[in-house]
């Protein structure tokens, strides 16, 4: 696989609403490209994936600062998507989850002739729970039963399964590696988010307890026999059966895998810290990215402290984490955590725990917080924003110009460009969803583009393509 070389470049797709990191002018740009003997204009437009009733449309806008766009009877209808990713300014990928079955997706371009967004390639792929970009591929990963290894009782080992969706030719290739004992502690793992920086790929490794295969194969890795489930239990993605350890024995540790090549076939460097808990946002089986690189290549690793939500019951003992939301750092070019860098995020701002985060610019990060201070329960509200300046370790709640938490129905995921974050906000006053521009230096907000739709699934930018 061909790799792109750059200091810091990353783009991720996120569940329901998406994160897009890109470099673009505040107003869409017009450039030139060489098309054989002719020099033709290449234009850029902001692209919004908006859902109205049961359909998702891709509509374009000239500005994110003002005006109104509509998805009602306008734009390009898509297959819909659970996750979205902008690959540079060239392609928009829509990836559909399909409830654990094989996924389907498509890539879209801004057509030079029509000026509209049109479908470019279609894809099929394995189940996904996290996603990102590596070289010329959109990559996805999930942890599933494999068909290679079994224990003496016939329990199948879990494998990390990967998809490489080529942005240029539309091909899909797959790969896998053993998820069992990946960290040497006997547990199965999943990945959460991908960051391409410093000519390497970084991913957060999330331990998830021990499978039946793991319990039988690595009995010496069981720290307490009472953690092994005696009966079936749980619901949905949290369901389990007797004989496994359904949650991690190490909630207060974070692990980062560093890859130097261009595929997951290589053995990565594993970096570990006990200053924070595992680094990811969570929503059922989905793992949200909470690792990001600053402009200088330093990798900041954020943990919401979700280990605290693991509680024992009469039927099942669990290891409950103690660590709060925190952030640590791996400096550019290093393969260990900076021993002098750690901040407890719950000691600043509203003193609430964090849910998710994104890089805005320089060393500024946007954090989405649990607005009522509790992360217990799947419906715990996350309607508060904060800006974190990493070098100074300073967290500031966004309040000036931003709706109050009791006015907000939901927050989308920001598009970060030209030093600002534009985040979709749905309020409960009957008005249209709107983008709010977040200035990281002042931690203030300004209302911008209105979007006539029920939901805003993605915001980004595309430059016109001829192919």
Protein backbone atom coordinates (compact mmCIF):
# COMPACT_ATOMS: atom_id res chain seq x y z
CA UNK A 1 0.00 0.00 0.00
CA UNK A 2 1.20 3.46 -0.87
CA UNK A 3 1.56 5.85 2.04
CA UNK A 4 1.24 9.61 2.11
CA UNK A 5 4.01 11.49 3.91
CA UNK A 6 3.07 14.35 6.17
CA UNK A 7 3.71 15.57 9.68
CA UNK A 8 0.16 15.60 10.97
CA UNK A 9 -2.84 14.69 8.85
CA UNK A 10 -5.87 12.89 10.11
CA UNK A 11 -9.48 12.34 9.23
CA UNK A 12 -11.94 10.16 11.10
CA UNK A 13 -15.45 9.04 10.69
CA UNK A 14 -17.78 8.89 13.65
CA UNK A 15 -21.01 7.26 14.50
CA UNK A 16 -24.21 9.10 13.44
CA UNK A 17 -22.42 12.46 13.07
CA UNK A 18 -18.84 12.79 11.88
CA UNK A 19 -15.50 14.44 12.61
CA UNK A 20 -13.62 15.96 9.70
CA UNK A 21 -10.18 17.54 10.04
CA UNK A 22 -8.97 19.35 6.95
CA UNK A 23 -7.19 22.43 5.72
CA UNK A 24 -9.47 24.75 3.77
CA UNK A 25 -10.20 28.41 3.35
CA UNK A 26 -13.08 29.92 5.28
CA UNK A 27 -14.81 30.48 1.92
CA UNK A 28 -14.66 27.75 -0.74
CA UNK A 29 -11.59 28.07 -2.90
CA UNK A 30 -11.13 28.13 -6.65
CA UNK A 31 -7.89 26.76 -8.08
CA UNK A 32 -6.62 25.25 -11.28
CA UNK A 33 -5.67 21.77 -12.42
CA UNK A 34 -3.95 20.47 -15.51
CA UNK A 35 -6.39 18.40 -17.57
CA UNK A 36 -4.34 17.26 -20.56
CA UNK A 37 -3.66 20.33 -22.70
CA UNK A 38 -6.26 22.43 -20.89
CA UNK A 39 -6.09 24.26 -17.58
CA UNK A 40 -9.50 24.05 -15.91
CA UNK A 41 -10.85 25.62 -12.75
CA UNK A 42 -11.21 23.43 -9.66
CA UNK A 43 -13.82 24.68 -7.22
CA UNK A 44 -14.51 23.72 -3.62
CA UNK A 45 -17.79 23.61 -1.75
CA UNK A 46 -18.85 22.75 1.73
CA UNK A 47 -20.84 19.53 1.77
CA UNK A 48 -23.48 18.64 4.35
CA UNK A 49 -25.05 15.22 4.81
CA UNK A 50 -28.51 15.97 6.20
CA UNK A 51 -31.30 13.58 7.04
CA UNK A 52 -34.95 14.41 6.37
CA UNK A 53 -37.45 11.76 7.42
CA UNK A 54 -35.98 8.47 6.15
CA UNK A 55 -33.65 9.85 3.47
CA UNK A 56 -30.16 11.35 3.64
CA UNK A 57 -29.13 14.01 1.13
CA UNK A 58 -25.79 15.61 0.30
CA UNK A 59 -26.26 19.35 -0.16
CA UNK A 60 -23.64 22.02 -0.81
CA UNK A 61 -23.09 25.44 0.73
CA UNK A 62 -20.90 28.40 -0.15
CA UNK A 63 -20.34 29.43 3.47
CA UNK A 64 -20.55 27.96 6.97
CA UNK A 65 -20.87 31.43 8.50
CA UNK A 66 -24.34 32.47 7.33
CA UNK A 67 -27.41 31.67 5.27
CA UNK A 68 -29.66 28.61 5.01
CA UNK A 69 -29.49 25.38 3.03
CA UNK A 70 -32.19 22.76 2.72
CA UNK A 71 -32.24 19.01 2.28
CA UNK A 72 -35.94 19.04 1.43
CA UNK A 73 -36.18 18.08 -2.23
CA UNK A 74 -32.58 19.14 -2.81
CA UNK A 75 -29.14 17.61 -3.09
CA UNK A 76 -28.00 14.08 -3.88
CA UNK A 77 -29.79 11.23 -2.15
CA UNK A 78 -27.40 8.68 -0.64
CA UNK A 79 -27.56 5.16 0.74
CA UNK A 80 -27.33 6.73 4.17
CA UNK A 81 -24.50 6.07 6.54
CA UNK A 82 -23.65 5.09 10.08
CA UNK A 83 -20.24 6.70 9.64
CA UNK A 84 -18.84 9.32 7.30
CA UNK A 85 -15.28 10.28 6.36
CA UNK A 86 -13.83 12.96 4.15
CA UNK A 87 -10.63 11.73 2.52
CA UNK A 88 -8.68 14.98 2.09
CA UNK A 89 -10.93 17.25 0.01
CA UNK A 90 -11.31 14.61 -2.70
CA UNK A 91 -13.80 12.02 -1.50
CA UNK A 92 -16.62 11.61 0.99
CA UNK A 93 -17.15 8.05 2.20
CA UNK A 94 -20.51 6.88 3.54
CA UNK A 95 -20.30 3.58 5.46
CA UNK A 96 -23.39 1.74 6.65
CA UNK A 97 -23.18 -0.47 9.73
CA UNK A 98 -26.02 -2.96 8.88
CA UNK A 99 -26.41 -4.25 12.44
CA UNK A 100 -23.34 -6.46 12.56
CA UNK A 101 -23.79 -7.90 9.08
CA UNK A 102 -21.48 -7.11 6.16
CA UNK A 103 -21.28 -3.37 5.70
CA UNK A 104 -22.05 -1.43 2.54
CA UNK A 105 -20.76 1.94 1.49
CA UNK A 106 -20.01 4.40 -1.25
CA UNK A 107 -17.63 7.26 -1.97
CA UNK A 108 -18.77 10.57 -3.41
CA UNK A 109 -17.06 13.39 -5.31
CA UNK A 110 -17.91 16.95 -6.24
CA UNK A 111 -18.52 16.65 -9.98
CA UNK A 112 -16.71 19.32 -11.98
CA UNK A 113 -19.28 19.41 -14.77
CA UNK A 114 -22.51 19.53 -12.79
CA UNK A 115 -21.21 21.14 -9.61
CA UNK A 116 -23.13 18.52 -7.63
CA UNK A 117 -22.04 15.70 -5.37
CA UNK A 118 -22.19 12.38 -7.24
CA UNK A 119 -21.42 8.76 -6.36
CA UNK A 120 -17.92 7.62 -7.31
CA UNK A 121 -17.33 4.06 -5.99
CA UNK A 122 -19.28 1.42 -4.05
CA UNK A 123 -17.90 -0.92 -1.38
CA UNK A 124 -18.72 -3.94 0.77
CA UNK A 125 -16.77 -4.73 3.92
CA UNK A 126 -16.71 -6.57 7.25
CA UNK A 127 -18.44 -5.31 10.38
CA UNK A 128 -16.82 -2.14 11.78
CA UNK A 129 -16.62 -0.43 15.16
CA UNK A 130 -13.86 2.10 14.50
CA UNK A 131 -12.41 3.80 11.44
CA UNK A 132 -9.88 6.26 10.05
CA UNK A 133 -7.41 6.88 7.24
CA UNK A 134 -4.06 5.26 6.49
CA UNK A 135 -2.22 6.17 3.30
CA UNK A 136 -4.60 5.92 0.34
CA UNK A 137 -7.11 3.83 2.26
CA UNK A 138 -10.03 4.41 4.55
CA UNK A 139 -9.47 1.77 7.22
CA UNK A 140 -11.92 0.11 9.57
CA UNK A 141 -11.59 -2.40 12.39
CA UNK A 142 -13.71 -4.57 14.66
CA UNK A 143 -13.25 -7.59 16.92
CA UNK A 144 -15.09 -10.76 15.94
CA UNK A 145 -14.98 -14.55 16.19
CA UNK A 146 -12.35 -16.00 13.90
CA UNK A 147 -12.28 -19.32 12.09
CA UNK A 148 -8.61 -20.20 12.53
CA UNK A 149 -7.96 -21.13 16.16
CA UNK A 150 -10.06 -22.95 18.73
CA UNK A 151 -9.34 -24.26 22.20
CA UNK A 152 -9.84 -27.84 23.35
CA UNK A 153 -13.52 -27.16 24.02
CA UNK A 154 -14.08 -25.76 20.53
CA UNK A 155 -14.29 -22.09 21.54
CA UNK A 156 -13.15 -19.89 18.68
CA UNK A 157 -10.48 -17.27 19.25
CA UNK A 158 -11.37 -13.61 18.67
CA UNK A 159 -9.67 -11.72 15.86
CA UNK A 160 -9.25 -8.08 14.95
CA UNK A 161 -10.62 -7.76 11.43
CA UNK A 162 -9.55 -4.92 9.15
CA UNK A 163 -10.89 -3.41 5.94
CA UNK A 164 -8.79 -1.28 3.59
CA UNK A 165 -11.11 0.70 1.29
CA UNK A 166 -8.95 2.15 -1.47
CA UNK A 167 -9.89 5.73 -2.26
CA UNK A 168 -8.53 5.60 -5.82
CA UNK A 169 -9.74 2.36 -7.41
CA UNK A 170 -12.63 1.33 -5.16
CA UNK A 171 -11.14 -2.02 -4.16
CA UNK A 172 -11.61 -3.53 -0.72
CA UNK A 173 -8.94 -5.70 0.89
CA UNK A 174 -9.10 -7.31 4.30
CA UNK A 175 -6.74 -8.46 7.00
CA UNK A 176 -6.82 -9.81 10.53
CA UNK A 177 -4.71 -10.52 13.56
CA UNK A 178 -5.32 -12.39 16.80
CA UNK A 179 -7.13 -10.21 19.35
CA UNK A 180 -6.49 -12.69 22.17
CA UNK A 181 -3.66 -11.79 24.59
CA UNK A 182 -2.76 -8.87 22.31
CA UNK A 183 -1.35 -6.91 25.25
CA UNK A 184 0.11 -9.94 27.02
CA UNK A 185 -2.53 -9.85 29.77
CA UNK A 186 -4.79 -12.57 28.36
CA UNK A 187 -7.58 -10.20 27.32
CA UNK A 188 -9.17 -9.63 23.95
CA UNK A 189 -8.89 -6.10 22.57
CA UNK A 190 -10.49 -3.69 20.17
CA UNK A 191 -9.09 -0.55 18.55
CA UNK A 192 -10.53 2.94 19.00
CA UNK A 193 -9.59 5.61 16.47
CA UNK A 194 -6.60 6.02 14.18
CA UNK A 195 -4.15 8.93 13.93
CA UNK A 196 -1.65 9.19 11.09
CA UNK A 197 1.22 11.41 12.27
CA UNK A 198 5.02 11.47 12.29
CA UNK A 199 5.00 8.90 9.45
CA UNK A 200 3.36 6.41 11.82
CA UNK A 201 -0.13 5.20 12.68
CA UNK A 202 -1.34 5.40 16.27
CA UNK A 203 -4.39 3.59 17.66
CA UNK A 204 -5.83 3.22 21.13
CA UNK A 205 -6.01 -0.42 22.25
CA UNK A 206 -9.00 -1.22 24.46
CA UNK A 207 -8.88 -4.35 26.67
CA UNK A 208 -12.32 -5.99 26.93
CA UNK A 209 -11.95 -8.89 29.32
CA UNK A 210 -11.28 -12.56 28.56
CA UNK A 211 -13.20 -14.68 26.07
CA UNK A 212 -14.01 -18.36 26.63
CA UNK A 213 -10.95 -19.14 24.50
CA UNK A 214 -8.84 -16.80 26.63
CA UNK A 215 -10.04 -18.19 29.95
CA UNK A 216 -9.19 -21.72 28.80
CA UNK A 217 -5.92 -20.85 27.05
CA UNK A 218 -4.43 -18.33 29.49
CA UNK A 219 -5.72 -19.36 32.94
CA UNK A 220 -2.68 -17.76 34.58
CA UNK A 221 -3.91 -14.35 33.33
CA UNK A 222 -7.10 -14.52 35.42
CA UNK A 223 -6.47 -12.14 38.32
CA UNK A 224 -9.51 -13.24 40.33
CA UNK A 225 -11.61 -16.34 39.71
CA UNK A 226 -14.72 -14.47 40.88
CA UNK A 227 -14.51 -12.32 37.73
CA UNK A 228 -15.42 -15.32 35.55
CA UNK A 229 -19.16 -15.22 34.84
CA UNK A 230 -21.06 -18.09 36.44
CA UNK A 231 -24.29 -17.43 34.53
CA UNK A 232 -25.38 -15.75 31.30
CA UNK A 233 -26.31 -12.09 31.58
CA UNK A 234 -26.21 -8.58 30.17
CA UNK A 235 -28.10 -7.09 27.24
CA UNK A 236 -27.32 -6.19 23.63
CA UNK A 237 -23.63 -5.52 23.03
CA UNK A 238 -23.05 -5.98 26.77
CA UNK A 239 -24.41 -9.52 26.89
CA UNK A 240 -22.18 -12.37 28.02
CA UNK A 241 -22.30 -16.08 28.75
CA UNK A 242 -20.99 -18.17 31.59
CA UNK A 243 -17.29 -18.96 31.47
CA UNK A 244 -15.92 -15.63 30.23
CA UNK A 245 -14.75 -12.41 31.89
CA UNK A 246 -16.99 -9.83 30.21
CA UNK A 247 -15.17 -6.62 31.20
CA UNK A 248 -11.54 -5.65 31.56
CA UNK A 249 -9.46 -6.44 34.60
CA UNK A 250 -7.41 -3.29 33.82
CA UNK A 251 -9.81 -0.31 33.69
CA UNK A 252 -7.17 2.12 34.95
CA UNK A 253 -4.61 1.59 32.19
CA UNK A 254 -4.32 3.06 28.70
CA UNK A 255 -2.50 1.44 25.78
CA UNK A 256 -1.41 2.88 22.42
CA UNK A 257 -0.20 0.74 19.51
CA UNK A 258 2.26 2.41 17.11
CA UNK A 259 2.61 1.07 13.56
CA UNK A 260 5.49 2.13 11.31
CA UNK A 261 4.59 0.30 8.09
CA UNK A 262 1.50 0.40 5.93
CA UNK A 263 -0.61 -2.51 7.24
CA UNK A 264 -1.65 -4.22 10.44
CA UNK A 265 0.42 -7.28 9.57
CA UNK A 266 3.42 -5.88 11.44
CA UNK A 267 4.06 -6.15 15.17
CA UNK A 268 3.38 -2.71 16.68
CA UNK A 269 5.13 -0.98 19.55
CA UNK A 270 2.80 -0.96 22.59
CA UNK A 271 2.96 2.06 24.90
CA UNK A 272 1.29 1.84 28.33
CA UNK A 273 0.41 4.21 31.16
CA UNK A 274 -1.43 3.89 34.47
CA UNK A 275 -2.11 7.62 34.81
CA UNK A 276 -5.41 7.36 32.92
CA UNK A 277 -7.95 4.67 32.08
CA UNK A 278 -8.53 3.23 28.60
CA UNK A 279 -8.71 5.91 25.93
CA UNK A 280 -11.98 5.93 24.02
CA UNK A 281 -15.52 7.23 24.04
CA UNK A 282 -18.20 4.55 24.20
CA UNK A 283 -21.69 4.04 22.88
CA UNK A 284 -22.73 0.39 23.02
CA UNK A 285 -20.40 -1.49 20.64
CA UNK A 286 -19.00 1.69 19.09
CA UNK A 287 -15.60 3.03 20.14
CA UNK A 288 -15.06 6.76 19.61
CA UNK A 289 -11.64 8.22 19.01
CA UNK A 290 -10.07 10.15 21.89
CA UNK A 291 -6.47 10.23 20.64
CA UNK A 292 -5.38 13.17 18.48
CA UNK A 293 -2.17 14.81 17.28
CA UNK A 294 -1.42 18.49 17.72
CA UNK A 295 0.03 20.40 14.79
CA UNK A 296 3.59 19.71 16.02
CA UNK A 297 3.02 15.92 15.99
CA UNK A 298 2.62 15.45 19.74
CA UNK A 299 -0.04 12.82 20.40
CA UNK A 300 -2.55 13.64 23.16
CA UNK A 301 -4.36 10.69 24.70
CA UNK A 302 -7.65 11.49 26.47
CA UNK A 303 -9.57 9.13 28.73
CA UNK A 304 -13.16 9.75 29.88
CA UNK A 305 -12.60 7.43 32.84
CA UNK A 306 -15.30 4.97 31.78
CA UNK A 307 -13.76 2.27 33.98
CA UNK A 308 -15.71 3.81 36.85
CA UNK A 309 -18.99 2.68 35.29
CA UNK A 310 -18.14 -1.03 35.68
CA UNK A 311 -19.94 -2.12 38.82
CA UNK A 312 -20.37 -5.54 40.38
CA UNK A 313 -23.73 -7.23 40.84
CA UNK A 314 -24.97 -10.21 42.81
CA UNK A 315 -24.31 -12.40 39.75
CA UNK A 316 -21.05 -10.94 38.47
CA UNK A 317 -17.98 -9.35 40.00
CA UNK A 318 -16.23 -6.62 37.98
CA UNK A 319 -13.12 -4.51 38.49
CA UNK A 320 -14.27 -0.91 38.92
CA UNK A 321 -11.93 1.84 37.78
CA UNK A 322 -11.00 4.78 39.97
CA UNK A 323 -9.32 7.23 37.62
CA UNK A 324 -11.13 10.41 36.44
CA UNK A 325 -11.15 11.94 32.96
CA UNK A 326 -7.54 12.77 32.18
CA UNK A 327 -5.04 13.43 29.42
CA UNK A 328 -1.45 12.28 28.82
CA UNK A 329 0.98 12.80 25.95
CA UNK A 330 3.40 11.00 23.64
CA UNK A 331 5.77 13.57 22.19
CA UNK A 332 6.46 13.53 18.46
CA UNK A 333 9.05 10.89 17.61
CA UNK A 334 8.86 9.21 21.02
CA UNK A 335 7.61 5.72 21.84
CA UNK A 336 6.78 6.28 25.51
CA UNK A 337 4.46 8.55 27.44
CA UNK A 338 5.83 11.89 28.59
CA UNK A 339 6.46 11.28 32.32
CA UNK A 340 5.97 14.98 33.12
CA UNK A 341 2.62 15.45 31.42
CA UNK A 342 -0.76 14.68 33.00
CA UNK A 343 -3.91 16.71 33.69
CA UNK A 344 -7.05 15.74 35.58
CA UNK A 345 -9.78 17.26 33.38
CA UNK A 346 -12.36 17.08 36.15
CA UNK A 347 -10.47 19.64 38.21
CA UNK A 348 -11.22 22.43 35.72
CA UNK A 349 -14.17 24.08 33.96
CA UNK A 350 -17.48 22.63 35.13
CA UNK A 351 -15.59 19.73 36.75
CA UNK A 352 -17.60 17.29 34.65
CA UNK A 353 -16.21 14.14 32.99
CA UNK A 354 -15.60 14.16 29.22
CA UNK A 355 -17.35 12.03 26.61
CA UNK A 356 -15.47 12.66 23.34
CA UNK A 357 -12.94 15.06 21.88
CA UNK A 358 -11.43 16.38 18.61
CA UNK A 359 -8.40 18.35 17.50
CA UNK A 360 -9.22 21.87 16.30
CA UNK A 361 -5.87 23.52 15.51
CA UNK A 362 -2.36 23.97 16.98
CA UNK A 363 -2.65 22.45 20.47
CA UNK A 364 -6.35 23.25 20.93
CA UNK A 365 -8.88 20.44 21.38
CA UNK A 366 -12.68 20.50 21.58
CA UNK A 367 -14.17 18.33 24.33
CA UNK A 368 -17.76 17.17 24.66
CA UNK A 369 -18.67 16.79 28.31
CA UNK A 370 -21.30 15.02 30.38
CA UNK A 371 -23.44 18.07 31.06
CA UNK A 372 -24.99 16.79 34.28
CA UNK A 373 -21.73 15.46 35.65
CA UNK A 374 -22.62 11.79 35.45
CA UNK A 375 -21.68 9.22 32.82
CA UNK A 376 -23.90 6.47 34.20
CA UNK A 377 -26.60 5.16 31.91
CA UNK A 378 -26.72 5.20 28.11
CA UNK A 379 -28.91 8.31 28.13
CA UNK A 380 -26.66 10.47 30.29
CA UNK A 381 -26.75 13.92 28.58
CA UNK A 382 -23.64 15.19 26.78
CA UNK A 383 -24.67 18.76 25.87
CA UNK A 384 -21.67 20.74 27.11
CA UNK A 385 -18.51 21.80 25.25
CA UNK A 386 -15.08 22.82 26.51
CA UNK A 387 -11.83 23.87 24.86
CA UNK A 388 -8.57 22.37 26.10
CA UNK A 389 -5.24 24.08 25.37
CA UNK A 390 -2.85 21.20 25.69
CA UNK A 391 0.55 22.84 26.25
CA UNK A 392 -0.85 24.94 29.09
CA UNK A 393 -3.15 22.17 30.34
CA UNK A 394 -6.01 24.68 30.49
CA UNK A 395 -9.68 23.65 30.05
CA UNK A 396 -12.35 26.32 29.48
CA UNK A 397 -16.10 25.69 29.21
CA UNK A 398 -17.74 27.12 26.06
CA UNK A 399 -20.58 29.39 27.18
CA UNK A 400 -20.38 32.81 25.47
CA UNK A 401 -22.63 32.73 22.39
CA UNK A 402 -23.55 29.07 22.82
CA UNK A 403 -27.05 27.78 23.74
CA UNK A 404 -27.49 26.70 27.34
CA UNK A 405 -27.62 22.98 28.03
CA UNK A 406 -31.37 23.11 28.75
CA UNK A 407 -31.93 24.54 25.24
CA UNK A 408 -29.90 21.86 23.43
CA UNK A 409 -31.50 18.66 22.16
CA UNK A 410 -28.33 17.22 20.66
CA UNK A 411 -24.84 18.06 19.44
CA UNK A 412 -23.37 16.73 16.22
CA UNK A 413 -19.70 16.26 15.51
CA UNK A 414 -17.52 19.19 14.46
CA UNK A 415 -15.86 20.02 11.17
CA UNK A 416 -12.57 21.68 12.11
CA UNK A 417 -10.99 24.01 9.56
CA UNK A 418 -8.94 27.20 9.41
CA UNK A 419 -8.48 27.30 13.17
CA UNK A 420 -12.17 26.95 14.10
CA UNK A 421 -14.64 24.16 14.85
CA UNK A 422 -18.12 24.18 13.30
CA UNK A 423 -20.49 21.98 15.27
CA UNK A 424 -24.10 21.08 14.39
CA UNK A 425 -26.55 21.95 17.17
CA UNK A 426 -30.21 20.96 17.43
CA UNK A 427 -32.22 23.01 19.92
CA UNK A 428 -35.62 22.38 21.44
CA UNK A 429 -37.20 25.70 20.42
CA UNK A 430 -38.42 24.48 17.02
CA UNK A 431 -35.73 26.25 15.00
CA UNK A 432 -33.63 24.58 12.31
CA UNK A 433 -30.40 22.82 13.18
CA UNK A 434 -27.51 25.26 12.89
CA UNK A 435 -23.74 25.26 12.81
CA UNK A 436 -22.01 27.09 15.66
CA UNK A 437 -18.50 28.38 15.06
CA UNK A 438 -16.22 27.73 18.06
CA UNK A 439 -13.22 30.02 18.49
CA UNK A 440 -10.68 28.00 20.51
CA UNK A 441 -8.67 31.01 21.65
CA UNK A 442 -11.68 32.62 23.37
CA UNK A 443 -13.78 29.47 23.94
CA UNK A 444 -16.73 31.41 22.49
CA UNK A 445 -19.36 30.53 19.90
CA UNK A 446 -21.10 32.30 17.00
CA UNK A 447 -24.20 30.99 15.23
CA UNK A 448 -23.64 30.34 11.52
CA UNK A 449 -25.33 28.38 8.74
CA UNK A 450 -28.91 27.13 9.25
CA UNK A 451 -29.77 23.69 7.85
CA UNK A 452 -33.35 22.71 7.03
CA UNK A 453 -33.36 19.03 8.03
CA UNK A 454 -34.19 16.68 10.85
CA UNK A 455 -30.57 15.73 11.53
CA UNK A 456 -27.11 16.78 10.36
CA UNK A 457 -24.98 13.70 9.78
CA UNK A 458 -21.80 15.22 8.36
CA UNK A 459 -20.13 18.50 7.46
CA UNK A 460 -16.97 18.86 5.38
CA UNK A 461 -15.51 20.12 2.14
CA UNK A 462 -14.93 18.69 -1.34
CA UNK A 463 -12.93 20.01 -4.28
CA UNK A 464 -14.29 19.25 -7.74
CA UNK A 465 -13.18 16.05 -9.48
CA UNK A 466 -13.37 14.95 -13.11
CA UNK A 467 -13.10 11.17 -12.61
